[in-house]
Amino acid sequence: MRQYIGLLLVVLVASLTSCRNDFDFETSSGGLEFSKDTVYLDTVFTNIGSSTYTLKVYNRSDKNISIPSIRLNKGQASKYRLMVDGIPGKEFSNIEMLAKDSMFVFIEVTEDVANVNPTDFLYTDFIEFNSTSGMQKVELVTLIQDAYFIYPSRTPNGNGGFDYEEINLGDNENPIPIRASILNENDPINGNELIWNNSKPYVIYGYAVVPPTKTLTIEEGARIHFHADSGIIVANDASLFVDGKPSTTDALEKEVIFEGDRLEPDFSEVPGQWGTIWLTNGSHSNVLYNLTIKNAVIGLYVNGNDGTNSVNATLNNVQIYNCSNIGLYATTGFVDGKNVVINNCGEASFIGSFGGSYEFTHCTFANYWPTPNQTCVVLDDYEGQTEFELVKANFNNCIIYGSSNLGISHKKKGNIFNFKYTNCLLKFVDTNNQFANDPLYNFSDNSIFENCLRASNSNQNKPDFLAPNDNKLIIGSDSAAKGTAKISFSTFPDILDKDRPELGLTTTDIGAYNFIIFE
């Protein structure tokens, strides 16, 4: 019996000794390894913090260690903040790491980063990892942009919260309130909010509303960033004028760009980040030059017209990409477009619904959204009432082509449904001949499909786009669109400001882009 008790004591002592060694921690002598030596936190706007970034720290040694301190070099004054071992802060003491283990350090920029020195374009600091042999560090770098901010005003509601500035998109019986800011010519902070310039970016929270009788002018080179559920609303009897110019460099220095306010590279092509540009019923004289709209729900919504036969939306050199629903959505709209390019939209690139009047020349309506149900062009007259007649829908020298079979969709209910495609490249693969006897798709009828090239299978009449999934829709040397346009429509340069026809040529190319040789 005594032998068993002695053996038990030996095992117990050995066990306790082993446990003690497993959790003994020596003061770190350095030698930590890191997943990166510099953390580049993406561009942030003044007054807006960054996303959270991750640094991984490795203890490759066979010893459990205690790091005497981990701190930001600028201490409590730093505009970075950390989370180490699940604890937020800027300075940490005696952080333990097991042998052959790792830990995460989470990093973000605080919202007041630009207040340190408003003239700085970069903000930097570094994380110190101290040890008995010295200090190791990881650099932190952030690019700062100052910006104009347009957002709904708010007032205390007496209940500990706030009431925000709103507008009603419905009526008294069925109100649809949304947060919005009515643009002011004499705003105490931004000055004249009806002229947006290129001196610094604009960041929009909620909807920026152009009030009746006013025009919002956006000057060349302006950059407009929309937060989630944000956009622009042009009211009845108001106008939008985007005065972009052709750019001469890849920086697109003269073009106007509308996109989301998430500037990280992972968000550069993500659809549905913000709402729409809404030209409401009764708005007029809306003119958009050299504008790119990216990553919205609906890129441009043209709702109704001003009650005359005047075009209420003129689009020249307008590109719309990555819309979760629709690129250009017009309901009883009067739209004139030249060099319009739309691609990668969840439902359709262009919808002309509830009738309207449309004229598109040298446009490219592509759609390579990664599902099989989207299309490029949709026309309908709702239930066929007189007020919803399709007065006209003319497509001249246009490419209408996507990854799905049916590039066009026509839905006629009334008597007036006027459309015509002239010298267009169309994809329409009717695999089951379900449209063979439908007069709306009679491609041999020259009165509605004049001199068009139809891709009736995936190997025929290809546009030979450079990289359509990446919105690069320049046509190549094997394109069926090359040299097959009707030259009488080619009276203006292409979307890259190249002449049509080019010097020495007597033919022009279908679509928004002239043919070029891919490098």
Protein backbone atom coordinates (compact mmCIF):
# COMPACT_ATOMS: atom_id res chain seq x y z
CA MET A 1 0.00 0.00 0.00
CA ARG A 2 2.84 2.37 0.87
CA GLN A 3 4.36 1.62 -2.55
CA TYR A 4 1.15 2.79 -4.26
CA ILE A 5 1.04 5.95 -2.16
CA GLY A 6 4.68 6.72 -3.00
CA LEU A 7 4.05 6.17 -6.72
CA LEU A 8 1.02 8.45 -6.56
CA LEU A 9 3.08 11.20 -4.91
CA VAL A 10 5.78 10.93 -7.58
CA VAL A 11 3.20 11.23 -10.38
CA LEU A 12 1.49 14.18 -8.67
CA VAL A 13 4.77 16.08 -8.18
CA ALA A 14 5.78 15.42 -11.79
CA SER A 15 2.39 16.61 -13.01
CA LEU A 16 2.54 19.82 -10.99
CA THR A 17 6.07 20.50 -12.17
CA SER A 18 5.02 19.96 -15.80
CA CYS A 19 2.05 22.32 -15.50
CA ARG A 20 4.21 24.98 -13.90
CA ASN A 21 6.72 24.81 -16.78
CA ASP A 22 3.96 24.97 -19.42
CA PHE A 23 2.73 28.27 -18.06
CA ASP A 24 5.99 29.91 -17.02
CA PHE A 25 6.57 33.07 -19.07
CA GLU A 26 9.95 34.64 -19.68
CA THR A 27 10.32 38.32 -20.51
CA SER A 28 10.57 38.61 -24.28
CA SER A 29 14.07 39.15 -25.62
CA GLY A 30 12.76 40.11 -29.07
CA GLY A 31 12.70 38.00 -32.19
CA LEU A 32 9.00 38.40 -32.82
CA GLU A 33 7.84 38.00 -36.42
CA PHE A 34 5.01 39.89 -38.10
CA SER A 35 2.66 39.27 -41.01
CA LYS A 36 3.76 42.63 -42.47
CA ASP A 37 6.30 45.27 -41.57
CA THR A 38 4.06 48.16 -42.68
CA VAL A 39 0.29 48.32 -42.43
CA TYR A 40 -1.26 50.58 -45.06
CA LEU A 41 -4.68 51.63 -43.88
CA ASP A 42 -6.72 52.81 -46.86
CA THR A 43 -7.65 56.38 -47.60
CA VAL A 44 -10.05 57.94 -45.14
CA PHE A 45 -12.07 61.12 -45.28
CA THR A 46 -11.80 63.77 -42.63
CA ASN A 47 -14.21 62.97 -39.75
CA ILE A 48 -14.68 59.34 -40.85
CA GLY A 49 -12.75 56.46 -39.32
CA SER A 50 -11.27 53.59 -41.28
CA SER A 51 -12.15 49.96 -41.55
CA THR A 52 -10.34 47.60 -39.18
CA TYR A 53 -7.04 46.09 -40.33
CA THR A 54 -5.24 43.06 -38.98
CA LEU A 55 -1.61 42.44 -38.01
CA LYS A 56 -0.54 38.96 -36.98
CA VAL A 57 2.31 38.57 -34.45
CA TYR A 58 4.25 35.30 -34.19
CA ASN A 59 6.28 33.80 -31.34
CA ARG A 60 8.37 31.24 -33.23
CA SER A 61 10.47 30.31 -30.16
CA ASP A 62 10.08 27.26 -27.90
CA LYS A 63 9.46 29.49 -24.86
CA ASN A 64 6.40 31.13 -23.45
CA ILE A 65 7.08 34.85 -23.42
CA SER A 66 5.71 38.01 -21.87
CA ILE A 67 6.06 41.16 -23.98
CA PRO A 68 6.76 44.03 -21.54
CA SER A 69 4.84 46.57 -23.59
CA ILE A 70 3.01 47.01 -26.86
CA ARG A 71 2.18 50.63 -27.59
CA LEU A 72 1.61 53.20 -30.27
CA ASN A 73 4.66 55.44 -30.53
CA LYS A 74 2.51 58.57 -30.20
CA GLY A 75 0.83 57.12 -27.15
CA GLN A 76 -2.57 58.40 -26.13
CA ALA A 77 -2.25 61.23 -28.67
CA SER A 78 -2.16 58.78 -31.57
CA LYS A 79 -5.06 58.84 -34.02
CA TYR A 80 -4.77 55.08 -34.40
CA ARG A 81 -6.32 52.67 -31.94
CA LEU A 82 -5.54 49.03 -31.30
CA MET A 83 -7.13 45.91 -29.94
CA VAL A 84 -4.64 43.48 -28.44
CA ASP A 85 -5.70 40.18 -26.94
CA GLY A 86 -9.32 41.35 -27.05
CA ILE A 87 -8.64 44.58 -25.14
CA PRO A 88 -8.96 48.00 -26.86
CA GLY A 89 -6.44 50.73 -26.18
CA LYS A 90 -3.23 52.41 -27.24
CA GLU A 91 -0.74 51.03 -24.67
CA PHE A 92 -0.55 47.51 -23.23
CA SER A 93 1.71 45.86 -20.65
CA ASN A 94 2.90 42.28 -20.08
CA ILE A 95 1.17 40.63 -23.01
CA GLU A 96 1.70 36.87 -22.80
CA MET A 97 2.27 34.55 -25.75
CA LEU A 98 2.69 30.80 -25.65
CA ALA A 99 5.54 29.06 -27.44
CA LYS A 100 4.98 28.54 -31.19
CA ASP A 101 1.83 30.65 -30.94
CA SER A 102 0.49 33.79 -32.59
CA MET A 103 -1.92 36.60 -31.82
CA PHE A 104 -3.90 39.23 -33.74
CA VAL A 105 -3.53 42.98 -33.35
CA PHE A 106 -6.46 44.92 -34.83
CA ILE A 107 -5.85 48.48 -36.03
CA GLU A 108 -8.08 51.34 -37.14
CA VAL A 109 -7.90 55.10 -37.65
CA THR A 110 -10.01 57.39 -35.49
CA GLU A 111 -12.42 59.85 -37.06
CA ASP A 112 -10.51 62.99 -36.04
CA VAL A 113 -7.26 61.99 -37.73
CA ALA A 114 -7.06 65.07 -39.96
CA ASN A 115 -7.33 67.49 -37.05
CA VAL A 116 -3.71 66.88 -36.06
CA ASN A 117 -2.46 68.95 -38.97
CA PRO A 118 -4.96 69.87 -41.68
CA THR A 119 -2.16 70.38 -44.24
CA ASP A 120 -0.89 66.79 -43.90
CA PHE A 121 -1.89 64.35 -46.60
CA LEU A 122 -0.40 61.35 -44.81
CA TYR A 123 -0.78 60.31 -41.19
CA THR A 124 1.80 57.91 -39.78
CA ASP A 125 2.70 56.22 -36.52
CA PHE A 126 4.16 52.85 -35.55
CA ILE A 127 3.49 50.07 -33.06
CA GLU A 128 6.34 49.40 -30.61
CA PHE A 129 6.96 45.84 -29.37
CA ASN A 130 9.45 46.22 -26.51
CA SER A 131 11.75 43.54 -25.10
CA THR A 132 14.90 43.10 -23.00
CA SER A 133 17.04 43.51 -26.12
CA GLY A 134 15.34 46.55 -27.57
CA MET A 135 12.32 47.47 -29.61
CA GLN A 136 10.73 46.06 -32.74
CA LYS A 137 8.24 48.13 -34.69
CA VAL A 138 5.55 47.93 -37.37
CA GLU A 139 4.85 51.08 -39.39
CA LEU A 140 1.30 52.45 -39.85
CA VAL A 141 0.46 54.68 -42.83
CA THR A 142 -2.86 56.32 -43.79
CA LEU A 143 -3.71 58.66 -46.64
CA ILE A 144 -6.11 61.42 -45.57
CA GLN A 145 -8.51 63.31 -47.79
CA ASP A 146 -10.32 66.37 -46.65
CA ALA A 147 -13.85 66.53 -48.05
CA TYR A 148 -17.08 68.47 -48.21
CA PHE A 149 -19.78 66.69 -46.22
CA ILE A 150 -23.46 66.98 -47.09
CA TYR A 151 -25.80 65.32 -44.62
CA PRO A 152 -29.26 65.77 -43.06
CA SER A 153 -29.40 68.17 -40.14
CA ARG A 154 -30.54 66.83 -36.79
CA THR A 155 -32.20 68.33 -33.73
CA PRO A 156 -32.68 66.88 -30.21
CA ASN A 157 -36.13 65.30 -29.85
CA GLY A 158 -36.32 65.57 -26.07
CA ASN A 159 -36.18 61.80 -25.60
CA GLY A 160 -32.43 61.48 -25.61
CA GLY A 161 -32.29 61.05 -29.39
CA PHE A 162 -32.43 63.16 -32.52
CA ASP A 163 -34.89 63.98 -35.29
CA TYR A 164 -33.26 64.09 -38.71
CA GLU A 165 -34.07 66.29 -41.69
CA GLU A 166 -36.38 64.36 -44.03
CA ILE A 167 -38.40 64.66 -47.21
CA ASN A 168 -41.59 62.76 -48.06
CA LEU A 169 -41.51 60.71 -51.26
CA GLY A 170 -45.11 59.60 -50.82
CA ASP A 171 -48.25 61.59 -50.04
CA ASN A 172 -50.14 62.56 -46.90
CA GLU A 173 -52.01 59.25 -46.82
CA ASN A 174 -49.00 57.10 -47.64
CA PRO A 175 -45.90 58.96 -46.48
CA ILE A 176 -42.47 57.66 -47.45
CA PRO A 177 -39.98 59.64 -45.37
CA ILE A 178 -36.28 59.46 -46.19
CA ARG A 179 -33.33 61.26 -44.65
CA ALA A 180 -32.28 64.06 -46.96
CA SER A 181 -30.54 67.42 -47.08
CA ILE A 182 -31.94 70.21 -49.25
CA LEU A 183 -28.98 71.89 -50.93
CA ASN A 184 -28.41 75.46 -49.83
CA GLU A 185 -26.73 78.27 -51.75
CA ASN A 186 -25.52 79.80 -48.48
CA ASP A 187 -24.63 76.87 -46.26
CA PRO A 188 -22.61 78.11 -43.24
CA ILE A 189 -20.01 75.35 -43.67
CA ASN A 190 -19.96 74.36 -47.35
CA GLY A 191 -20.90 77.70 -48.91
CA ASN A 192 -22.80 77.30 -52.18
CA GLU A 193 -23.90 73.67 -52.17
CA LEU A 194 -25.37 73.98 -55.68
CA ILE A 195 -21.89 74.14 -57.25
CA TRP A 196 -19.66 71.12 -56.62
CA ASN A 197 -16.04 71.66 -57.61
CA ASN A 198 -12.89 69.55 -57.80
CA SER A 199 -10.98 71.16 -54.91
CA LYS A 200 -11.75 68.20 -52.65
CA PRO A 201 -14.16 65.23 -52.67
CA TYR A 202 -17.81 65.41 -51.66
CA VAL A 203 -19.24 62.82 -49.26
CA ILE A 204 -23.03 62.47 -49.22
CA TYR A 205 -25.05 61.05 -46.32
CA GLY A 206 -28.74 60.53 -47.05
CA TYR A 207 -30.06 62.15 -50.23
CA ALA A 208 -28.86 65.52 -51.46
CA VAL A 209 -31.94 67.28 -52.86
CA VAL A 210 -31.82 69.87 -55.64
CA PRO A 211 -34.79 72.14 -54.80
CA PRO A 212 -37.33 73.44 -57.38
CA THR A 213 -36.11 76.15 -59.81
CA LYS A 214 -32.47 75.40 -58.91
CA THR A 215 -29.65 73.66 -60.82
CA LEU A 216 -26.91 71.57 -59.25
CA THR A 217 -23.74 72.08 -61.30
CA ILE A 218 -20.91 69.57 -60.90
CA GLU A 219 -17.65 70.78 -62.39
CA GLU A 220 -15.03 68.78 -64.27
CA GLY A 221 -12.84 66.50 -62.19
CA ALA A 222 -15.22 66.38 -59.22
CA ARG A 223 -15.31 63.20 -57.12
CA ILE A 224 -18.59 62.41 -55.38
CA HIS A 225 -18.81 59.64 -52.74
CA PHE A 226 -22.12 58.31 -51.45
CA HIS A 227 -22.67 56.56 -48.15
CA ALA A 228 -25.10 53.61 -47.95
CA ASP A 229 -28.73 54.58 -48.73
CA SER A 230 -27.62 57.87 -50.25
CA GLY A 231 -27.83 59.63 -53.59
CA ILE A 232 -29.08 62.74 -55.36
CA ILE A 233 -32.72 63.71 -55.93
CA VAL A 234 -33.50 66.37 -58.55
CA ALA A 235 -36.91 67.81 -57.67
CA ASN A 236 -39.75 68.95 -59.90
CA ASP A 237 -38.65 72.04 -61.90
CA ALA A 238 -35.01 71.50 -60.90
CA SER A 239 -32.00 70.42 -63.00
CA LEU A 240 -28.71 68.57 -62.80
CA PHE A 241 -25.72 69.64 -64.92
CA VAL A 242 -22.60 67.46 -64.84
CA ASP A 243 -19.85 69.30 -66.73
CA GLY A 244 -17.18 66.61 -67.06
CA LYS A 245 -14.60 66.78 -69.83
CA PRO A 246 -12.59 64.14 -71.72
CA SER A 247 -9.49 63.18 -69.73
CA THR A 248 -6.03 62.84 -71.18
CA THR A 249 -4.52 60.45 -68.59
CA ASP A 250 -5.50 57.27 -66.78
CA ALA A 251 -6.15 59.39 -63.68
CA LEU A 252 -9.38 60.58 -65.36
CA GLU A 253 -8.55 64.04 -64.11
CA LYS A 254 -11.38 65.82 -65.94
CA GLU A 255 -14.09 63.19 -65.71
CA VAL A 256 -16.71 63.31 -62.94
CA ILE A 257 -17.05 60.11 -60.89
CA PHE A 258 -19.92 59.02 -58.65
CA GLU A 259 -19.16 56.05 -56.37
CA GLY A 260 -19.43 54.80 -52.78
CA ASP A 261 -17.52 56.13 -49.79
CA ARG A 262 -15.68 52.87 -49.07
CA LEU A 263 -12.25 53.57 -50.57
CA GLU A 264 -10.63 50.23 -49.79
CA PRO A 265 -9.58 48.30 -52.94
CA ASP A 266 -11.86 45.40 -51.96
CA PHE A 267 -14.86 47.73 -52.40
CA SER A 268 -13.85 49.35 -55.69
CA GLU A 269 -16.17 47.18 -57.79
CA VAL A 270 -18.80 46.02 -55.28
CA PRO A 271 -22.41 46.65 -56.47
CA GLY A 272 -25.20 48.16 -54.41
CA GLN A 273 -23.15 50.35 -52.05
CA TRP A 274 -25.43 53.39 -52.40
CA GLY A 275 -28.82 54.37 -53.80
CA THR A 276 -29.31 56.26 -57.05
CA ILE A 277 -29.28 59.53 -58.97
CA TRP A 278 -32.99 60.30 -59.26
CA LEU A 279 -34.28 62.75 -61.87
CA THR A 280 -37.86 63.07 -60.63
CA ASN A 281 -41.00 63.68 -62.65
CA GLY A 282 -40.98 67.32 -63.72
CA SER A 283 -37.23 67.84 -63.53
CA HIS A 284 -35.90 69.19 -66.81
CA SER A 285 -32.79 70.16 -68.77
CA ASN A 286 -30.71 67.48 -67.04
CA VAL A 287 -27.40 67.21 -68.90
CA LEU A 288 -24.64 64.75 -67.99
CA TYR A 289 -21.24 64.95 -69.72
CA ASN A 290 -18.27 62.63 -69.13
CA LEU A 291 -19.64 60.98 -66.01
CA THR A 292 -18.96 57.55 -64.51
CA ILE A 293 -21.49 56.06 -62.06
CA LYS A 294 -20.29 52.99 -60.14
CA ASN A 295 -21.59 50.52 -57.56
CA ALA A 296 -25.12 51.90 -57.02
CA VAL A 297 -28.43 50.08 -56.64
CA ILE A 298 -29.85 51.94 -59.66
CA GLY A 299 -27.27 54.08 -61.42
CA LEU A 300 -29.58 56.68 -62.95
CA TYR A 301 -33.36 56.80 -62.45
CA VAL A 302 -35.24 59.05 -64.91
CA ASN A 303 -38.78 59.25 -63.59
CA GLY A 304 -41.26 60.89 -65.98
CA ASN A 305 -40.75 64.14 -67.86
CA ASP A 306 -41.70 67.81 -67.69
CA GLY A 307 -44.93 67.43 -69.68
CA THR A 308 -43.49 68.75 -72.95
CA ASN A 309 -41.80 66.93 -75.81
CA SER A 310 -38.40 68.16 -74.64
CA VAL A 311 -35.65 65.70 -73.74
CA ASN A 312 -35.37 65.75 -69.95
CA ALA A 313 -32.09 63.79 -69.73
CA THR A 314 -29.20 64.23 -72.16
CA LEU A 315 -26.32 61.78 -71.64
CA ASN A 316 -23.00 62.20 -73.44
CA ASN A 317 -20.04 59.96 -72.58
CA VAL A 318 -21.77 58.43 -69.55
CA GLN A 319 -20.58 55.12 -68.10
CA ILE A 320 -22.62 53.12 -65.57
CA TYR A 321 -21.17 49.98 -63.96
CA ASN A 322 -21.87 47.43 -61.21
CA CYS A 323 -25.45 48.27 -60.27
CA SER A 324 -27.15 45.66 -58.11
CA ASN A 325 -30.47 46.27 -59.92
CA ILE A 326 -30.52 48.51 -63.01
CA GLY A 327 -27.98 50.75 -64.73
CA LEU A 328 -30.31 53.27 -66.42
CA TYR A 329 -33.99 53.04 -65.41
CA ALA A 330 -36.39 55.35 -67.25
CA THR A 331 -40.14 55.41 -66.63
CA THR A 332 -41.99 57.52 -69.20
CA GLY A 333 -38.69 59.33 -69.61
CA PHE A 334 -37.43 61.37 -72.55
CA VAL A 335 -33.76 60.44 -72.87
CA ASP A 336 -31.13 61.20 -75.53
CA GLY A 337 -27.83 59.32 -75.17
CA LYS A 338 -24.56 59.33 -77.10
CA ASN A 339 -21.56 57.19 -76.12
CA VAL A 340 -23.42 55.65 -73.19
CA VAL A 341 -21.77 52.49 -71.80
CA ILE A 342 -23.50 50.27 -69.23
CA ASN A 343 -22.39 46.88 -67.88
CA ASN A 344 -22.71 44.45 -64.98
CA CYS A 345 -26.22 45.09 -63.65
CA GLY A 346 -28.27 42.59 -61.68
CA GLU A 347 -31.52 43.01 -63.63
CA ALA A 348 -30.89 45.03 -66.80
CA SER A 349 -28.50 47.62 -68.17
CA PHE A 350 -31.28 49.81 -69.58
CA ILE A 351 -35.01 49.65 -68.92
CA GLY A 352 -37.39 51.97 -70.76
CA SER A 353 -40.61 51.26 -68.87
CA PHE A 354 -44.09 52.81 -68.94
CA GLY A 355 -43.36 54.00 -72.49
CA GLY A 356 -41.39 57.16 -73.12
CA SER A 357 -39.12 58.49 -75.83
CA TYR A 358 -35.53 57.31 -76.27
CA GLU A 359 -32.75 57.97 -78.76
CA PHE A 360 -29.40 56.21 -78.31
CA THR A 361 -26.52 56.54 -80.77
CA HIS A 362 -23.14 54.77 -80.60
CA CYS A 363 -23.91 53.23 -77.22
CA THR A 364 -22.79 49.94 -75.67
CA PHE A 365 -25.39 48.16 -73.55
CA ALA A 366 -23.52 45.13 -72.24
CA ASN A 367 -24.35 42.94 -69.26
CA TYR A 368 -21.96 40.36 -67.86
CA TRP A 369 -23.55 40.08 -64.42
CA PRO A 370 -22.61 36.62 -63.09
CA THR A 371 -26.13 35.12 -63.12
CA PRO A 372 -28.18 33.85 -66.09
CA ASN A 373 -31.31 35.98 -65.63
CA GLN A 374 -30.14 39.50 -66.46
CA THR A 375 -30.52 41.22 -69.83
CA CYS A 376 -29.27 44.33 -71.59
CA VAL A 377 -32.28 46.30 -72.89
CA VAL A 378 -35.93 46.12 -71.78
CA LEU A 379 -38.80 48.08 -73.36
CA ASP A 380 -42.43 48.03 -72.17
CA ASP A 381 -45.60 50.14 -72.17
CA TYR A 382 -47.00 48.83 -68.87
CA GLU A 383 -50.69 47.97 -69.47
CA GLY A 384 -50.90 49.86 -72.76
CA GLN A 385 -52.68 53.03 -71.58
CA THR A 386 -52.30 56.09 -73.78
CA GLU A 387 -50.14 57.91 -71.23
CA PHE A 388 -47.66 55.04 -71.35
CA GLU A 389 -47.16 54.82 -75.11
CA LEU A 390 -43.66 54.05 -76.33
CA VAL A 391 -43.38 57.10 -78.56
CA LYS A 392 -40.01 55.97 -79.85
CA ALA A 393 -36.98 53.91 -78.89
CA ASN A 394 -34.28 54.28 -81.51
CA PHE A 395 -30.94 52.51 -81.19
CA ASN A 396 -28.39 53.62 -83.79
CA ASN A 397 -24.98 51.96 -84.17
CA CYS A 398 -25.33 50.32 -80.74
CA ILE A 399 -23.92 47.10 -79.28
CA ILE A 400 -26.43 45.18 -77.17
CA TYR A 401 -24.69 42.06 -75.95
CA GLY A 402 -24.22 40.17 -72.69
CA SER A 403 -23.48 36.83 -71.10
CA SER A 404 -27.12 35.67 -71.15
CA ASN A 405 -28.92 34.59 -74.32
CA LEU A 406 -31.49 37.35 -74.72
CA GLY A 407 -30.00 40.80 -75.06
CA ILE A 408 -33.35 42.52 -75.64
CA SER A 409 -36.83 42.18 -74.13
CA HIS A 410 -39.99 43.79 -75.59
CA LYS A 411 -43.30 43.79 -73.72
CA LYS A 412 -46.14 45.40 -75.69
CA LYS A 413 -49.71 45.82 -74.39
CA GLY A 414 -51.04 48.92 -76.23
CA ASN A 415 -51.16 50.18 -79.82
CA ILE A 416 -48.27 52.64 -79.89
CA PHE A 417 -44.99 50.80 -79.44
CA ASN A 418 -42.40 52.34 -81.74
CA PHE A 419 -38.85 51.03 -81.71
CA LYS A 420 -36.07 50.60 -84.24
CA TYR A 421 -32.55 49.19 -84.20
CA THR A 422 -30.32 50.51 -86.99
CA ASN A 423 -26.89 48.99 -87.71
CA CYS A 424 -26.77 47.43 -84.25
CA LEU A 425 -24.94 44.34 -83.04
CA LEU A 426 -27.51 42.33 -81.04
CA LYS A 427 -27.29 39.11 -79.10
CA PHE A 428 -30.53 37.13 -79.20
CA VAL A 429 -30.17 33.35 -78.91
CA ASP A 430 -33.66 31.85 -79.18
CA THR A 431 -32.73 28.28 -78.27
CA ASN A 432 -36.28 26.89 -78.23
CA ASN A 433 -37.69 29.10 -81.01
CA GLN A 434 -40.19 30.53 -78.54
CA PHE A 435 -40.00 33.96 -80.24
CA ALA A 436 -39.97 32.67 -83.83
CA ASN A 437 -43.47 33.98 -84.59
CA ASP A 438 -43.37 37.10 -82.43
CA PRO A 439 -43.34 40.24 -84.63
CA LEU A 440 -41.48 42.14 -81.91
CA TYR A 441 -38.45 39.94 -82.66
CA ASN A 442 -38.72 39.64 -86.44
CA PHE A 443 -35.09 40.29 -87.27
CA SER A 444 -35.81 40.12 -91.00
CA ASP A 445 -38.18 43.10 -90.75
CA ASN A 446 -36.07 45.99 -92.02
CA SER A 447 -38.49 48.55 -90.61
CA ILE A 448 -37.53 47.66 -87.03
CA PHE A 449 -34.16 45.87 -87.44
CA GLU A 450 -32.37 47.75 -90.20
CA ASN A 451 -29.04 46.27 -91.27
CA CYS A 452 -28.44 44.70 -87.85
CA LEU A 453 -25.97 41.96 -86.99
CA ARG A 454 -27.54 39.30 -84.81
CA ALA A 455 -25.63 36.85 -82.67
CA SER A 456 -28.03 33.90 -82.76
CA ASN A 457 -25.48 31.62 -81.11
CA SER A 458 -22.45 32.09 -78.89
CA ASN A 459 -19.96 31.75 -81.76
CA GLN A 460 -21.52 34.26 -84.14
CA ASN A 461 -21.04 38.02 -84.48
CA LYS A 462 -18.99 38.49 -81.33
CA PRO A 463 -18.17 42.01 -80.09
CA ASP A 464 -14.64 40.94 -79.02
CA PHE A 465 -14.63 43.08 -75.90
CA LEU A 466 -11.27 43.52 -74.19
CA ALA A 467 -12.37 42.30 -70.71
CA PRO A 468 -16.14 42.62 -70.24
CA ASN A 469 -16.22 41.19 -66.72
CA ASP A 470 -13.92 44.05 -65.71
CA ASN A 471 -15.96 46.68 -67.58
CA LYS A 472 -13.37 47.02 -70.36
CA LEU A 473 -15.60 47.15 -73.42
CA ILE A 474 -13.24 48.40 -76.10
CA ILE A 475 -13.68 46.24 -79.21
CA GLY A 476 -10.82 44.28 -80.75
CA SER A 477 -9.73 43.34 -84.25
CA ASP A 478 -12.08 40.33 -84.41
CA SER A 479 -15.19 42.30 -83.48
CA ALA A 480 -18.24 42.07 -85.71
CA ALA A 481 -18.84 45.72 -84.77
CA LYS A 482 -15.65 46.81 -86.57
CA GLY A 483 -16.38 48.89 -89.67
CA THR A 484 -20.09 48.01 -89.76
CA ALA A 485 -21.72 51.20 -88.40
CA LYS A 486 -23.91 53.55 -90.43
CA ILE A 487 -21.58 56.47 -91.00
CA SER A 488 -24.34 59.09 -91.17
CA PHE A 489 -24.83 58.64 -87.41
CA SER A 490 -21.08 58.97 -86.70
CA THR A 491 -20.96 62.74 -86.37
CA PHE A 492 -19.16 62.98 -83.02
CA PRO A 493 -15.99 61.46 -81.43
CA ASP A 494 -16.09 58.17 -79.57
CA ILE A 495 -16.13 57.93 -75.77
CA LEU A 496 -12.32 58.23 -75.67
CA ASP A 497 -12.56 61.43 -77.73
CA LYS A 498 -11.24 59.76 -80.91
CA ASP A 499 -12.60 60.96 -84.23
CA ARG A 500 -15.17 58.97 -86.18
CA PRO A 501 -14.13 57.99 -88.78
CA GLU A 502 -10.45 58.00 -87.99
CA LEU A 503 -8.06 59.65 -90.40
CA GLY A 504 -7.81 57.73 -93.67
CA LEU A 505 -10.83 55.49 -93.00
CA THR A 506 -14.22 55.59 -94.63
CA THR A 507 -16.00 53.28 -92.18
CA THR A 508 -16.94 53.58 -88.52
CA ASP A 509 -17.47 51.05 -85.73
CA ILE A 510 -20.63 50.09 -83.89
CA GLY A 511 -20.72 50.94 -80.17
CA ALA A 512 -19.26 53.63 -77.98
CA TYR A 513 -15.62 52.76 -78.71
CA ASN A 514 -13.63 52.84 -81.91
CA PHE A 515 -11.69 49.66 -82.58
CA ILE A 516 -8.16 49.63 -81.21
CA ILE A 517 -5.43 47.00 -81.22
CA PHE A 518 -5.11 45.48 -77.75
CA GLU A 519 -1.63 45.64 -76.28
